[in-house]
Amino acid sequence: MAQATINARLNATVKERGDKVLRDNGISTTEAIRGLWSSMARTREVPSFLVRECKCDETAERRRKREAARGLVGLAAEGTALGDDELSDLRFQATLSRYEALS
């Protein structure tokens, strides 16, 4: 498997404190980074603590689309048959979400 290298700059005090936490828990810096990247690759999401730390929250439109997609997950697999009323409600909610995103 091909390997890659990460090089990052951070505050020396933050690094020392972080290294101590990792050392106290028997985790190497490499293992911590691999764990973070593996988690993101598996979930396809940035961990919530990192979003807050970096102040890099998703745009409202992207968040709306993600929530809509999550709401649809499993419908086909469950064999759920939606009636006309349920489909109409879904269309209404999608339209409402688009208008809310524009506001």
C-alpha atoms as a PDB file:
ATOM      1  CA  MET A   1       0.000   0.000   0.000  1.00  0.00           C
ATOM      2  CA  ALA A   2       1.311   3.461  -0.892  1.00  0.00           C
ATOM      3  CA  GLN A   3       2.264   5.670   2.026  1.00  0.00           C
ATOM      4  CA  ALA A   4       1.931   9.439   2.391  1.00  0.00           C
ATOM      5  CA  THR A   5       3.429  11.941   4.803  1.00  0.00           C
ATOM      6  CA  ILE A   6       1.730  14.752   6.702  1.00  0.00           C
ATOM      7  CA  ASN A   7       3.713  17.771   7.889  1.00  0.00           C
ATOM      8  CA  ALA A   8       1.911  20.307  10.072  1.00  0.00           C
ATOM      9  CA  ARG A   9       2.906  23.362  12.085  1.00  0.00           C
ATOM     10  CA  LEU A  10       1.305  24.035  15.443  1.00  0.00           C
ATOM     11  CA  ASN A  11       1.917  25.978  18.603  1.00  0.00           C
ATOM     12  CA  ALA A  12       4.779  24.375  20.577  1.00  0.00           C
ATOM     13  CA  THR A  13       2.838  24.443  23.856  1.00  0.00           C
ATOM     14  CA  VAL A  14      -0.211  22.816  22.251  1.00  0.00           C
ATOM     15  CA  LYS A  15       2.049  20.130  20.751  1.00  0.00           C
ATOM     16  CA  GLU A  16       3.725  19.426  24.092  1.00  0.00           C
ATOM     17  CA  ARG A  17       0.399  19.149  25.894  1.00  0.00           C
ATOM     18  CA  GLY A  18      -1.108  16.974  23.174  1.00  0.00           C
ATOM     19  CA  ASP A  19       1.970  14.749  23.084  1.00  0.00           C
ATOM     20  CA  LYS A  20       1.689  14.269  26.860  1.00  0.00           C
ATOM     21  CA  VAL A  21      -1.967  13.210  26.600  1.00  0.00           C
ATOM     22  CA  LEU A  22      -1.109  10.744  23.852  1.00  0.00           C
ATOM     23  CA  ARG A  23       1.941   9.432  25.725  1.00  0.00           C
ATOM     24  CA  ASP A  24      -0.090   9.019  28.944  1.00  0.00           C
ATOM     25  CA  ASN A  25      -2.554   6.903  26.959  1.00  0.00           C
ATOM     26  CA  GLY A  26       0.045   4.860  25.110  1.00  0.00           C
ATOM     27  CA  ILE A  27      -0.775   6.334  21.711  1.00  0.00           C
ATOM     28  CA  SER A  28       1.824   7.626  19.270  1.00  0.00           C
ATOM     29  CA  THR A  29       1.319  10.788  17.253  1.00  0.00           C
ATOM     30  CA  THR A  30       1.247   8.664  14.108  1.00  0.00           C
ATOM     31  CA  GLU A  31      -1.454   6.398  15.564  1.00  0.00           C
ATOM     32  CA  ALA A  32      -3.546   9.423  16.538  1.00  0.00           C
ATOM     33  CA  ILE A  33      -3.316  10.925  13.054  1.00  0.00           C
ATOM     34  CA  ARG A  34      -4.045   7.570  11.404  1.00  0.00           C
ATOM     35  CA  GLY A  35      -7.054   7.159  13.688  1.00  0.00           C
ATOM     36  CA  LEU A  36      -8.421  10.609  12.820  1.00  0.00           C
ATOM     37  CA  TRP A  37      -7.955  10.093   9.078  1.00  0.00           C
ATOM     38  CA  SER A  38      -9.398   6.560   9.228  1.00  0.00           C
ATOM     39  CA  SER A  39     -12.458   7.874  11.050  1.00  0.00           C
ATOM     40  CA  MET A  40     -13.024  10.586   8.437  1.00  0.00           C
ATOM     41  CA  ALA A  41     -12.519   8.108   5.582  1.00  0.00           C
ATOM     42  CA  ARG A  42     -15.004   5.701   7.172  1.00  0.00           C
ATOM     43  CA  THR A  43     -17.697   8.253   8.106  1.00  0.00           C
ATOM     44  CA  ARG A  44     -17.006  10.711   5.277  1.00  0.00           C
ATOM     45  CA  GLU A  45     -17.475  13.512   7.820  1.00  0.00           C
ATOM     46  CA  VAL A  46     -15.281  15.842   9.807  1.00  0.00           C
ATOM     47  CA  PRO A  47     -15.609  15.077  13.548  1.00  0.00           C
ATOM     48  CA  SER A  48     -17.793  17.631  15.332  1.00  0.00           C
ATOM     49  CA  PHE A  49     -15.000  18.689  17.696  1.00  0.00           C
ATOM     50  CA  LEU A  50     -12.859  19.601  14.693  1.00  0.00           C
ATOM     51  CA  VAL A  51     -15.633  21.617  13.039  1.00  0.00           C
ATOM     52  CA  ARG A  52     -16.029  23.639  16.247  1.00  0.00           C
ATOM     53  CA  GLU A  53     -12.268  24.034  16.700  1.00  0.00           C
ATOM     54  CA  CYS A  54     -11.683  25.229  13.144  1.00  0.00           C
ATOM     55  CA  LYS A  55     -14.890  27.259  12.896  1.00  0.00           C
ATOM     56  CA  CYS A  56     -15.396  25.688   9.461  1.00  0.00           C
ATOM     57  CA  ASP A  57     -19.092  24.817   9.694  1.00  0.00           C
ATOM     58  CA  GLU A  58     -20.868  23.628   6.538  1.00  0.00           C
ATOM     59  CA  THR A  59     -22.948  26.033   4.535  1.00  0.00           C
ATOM     60  CA  ALA A  60     -26.684  25.917   5.175  1.00  0.00           C
ATOM     61  CA  GLU A  61     -27.330  24.527   1.687  1.00  0.00           C
ATOM     62  CA  ARG A  62     -24.870  21.661   2.087  1.00  0.00           C
ATOM     63  CA  ARG A  63     -26.272  20.866   5.546  1.00  0.00           C
ATOM     64  CA  ARG A  64     -29.834  20.857   4.148  1.00  0.00           C
ATOM     65  CA  LYS A  65     -28.871  18.475   1.353  1.00  0.00           C
ATOM     66  CA  ARG A  66     -27.066  16.159   3.779  1.00  0.00           C
ATOM     67  CA  GLU A  67     -30.077  16.069   6.125  1.00  0.00           C
ATOM     68  CA  ALA A  68     -32.439  15.386   3.215  1.00  0.00           C
ATOM     69  CA  ALA A  69     -30.242  12.536   1.980  1.00  0.00           C
ATOM     70  CA  ARG A  70     -30.047  11.029   5.465  1.00  0.00           C
ATOM     71  CA  GLY A  71     -33.837  11.155   5.671  1.00  0.00           C
ATOM     72  CA  LEU A  72     -34.072   9.065   2.508  1.00  0.00           C
ATOM     73  CA  VAL A  73     -31.549   6.419   3.561  1.00  0.00           C
ATOM     74  CA  GLY A  74     -33.215   3.084   4.012  1.00  0.00           C
ATOM     75  CA  LEU A  75     -36.541   3.911   2.353  1.00  0.00           C
ATOM     76  CA  ALA A  76     -35.844   1.756  -0.691  1.00  0.00           C
ATOM     77  CA  ALA A  77     -34.224  -1.003   1.361  1.00  0.00           C
ATOM     78  CA  GLU A  78     -37.220  -1.177   3.693  1.00  0.00           C
ATOM     79  CA  GLY A  79     -39.567  -1.468   0.762  1.00  0.00           C
ATOM     80  CA  THR A  80     -41.525   1.459   2.120  1.00  0.00           C
ATOM     81  CA  ALA A  81     -44.341   2.387  -0.204  1.00  0.00           C
ATOM     82  CA  LEU A  82     -45.255   6.031   0.072  1.00  0.00           C
ATOM     83  CA  GLY A  83     -48.756   7.103  -0.724  1.00  0.00           C
ATOM     84  CA  ASP A  84     -49.713  10.270  -2.565  1.00  0.00           C
ATOM     85  CA  ASP A  85     -50.103  12.213   0.700  1.00  0.00           C
ATOM     86  CA  GLU A  86     -46.650  11.211   1.960  1.00  0.00           C
ATOM     87  CA  LEU A  87     -45.034  12.092  -1.371  1.00  0.00           C
ATOM     88  CA  SER A  88     -46.813  15.431  -1.352  1.00  0.00           C
ATOM     89  CA  ASP A  89     -45.547  16.097   2.186  1.00  0.00           C
ATOM     90  CA  LEU A  90     -41.981  15.267   1.121  1.00  0.00           C
ATOM     91  CA  ARG A  91     -42.224  17.645  -1.853  1.00  0.00           C
ATOM     92  CA  PHE A  92     -43.626  20.380   0.398  1.00  0.00           C
ATOM     93  CA  GLN A  93     -40.812  19.903   2.949  1.00  0.00           C
ATOM     94  CA  ALA A  94     -38.175  19.994   0.188  1.00  0.00           C
ATOM     95  CA  THR A  95     -39.653  23.200  -1.234  1.00  0.00           C
ATOM     96  CA  LEU A  96     -39.876  24.763   2.225  1.00  0.00           C
ATOM     97  CA  SER A  97     -36.251  23.837   2.917  1.00  0.00           C
ATOM     98  CA  ARG A  98     -35.139  25.538  -0.310  1.00  0.00           C
ATOM     99  CA  TYR A  99     -36.949  28.751   0.641  1.00  0.00           C
ATOM    100  CA  GLU A 100     -35.531  28.647   4.174  1.00  0.00           C
ATOM    101  CA  ALA A 101     -32.017  28.201   2.758  1.00  0.00           C
ATOM    102  CA  LEU A 102     -32.470  31.323   0.646  1.00  0.00           C
ATOM    103  CA  SER A 103     -33.554  33.446   3.594  1.00  0.00           C
END
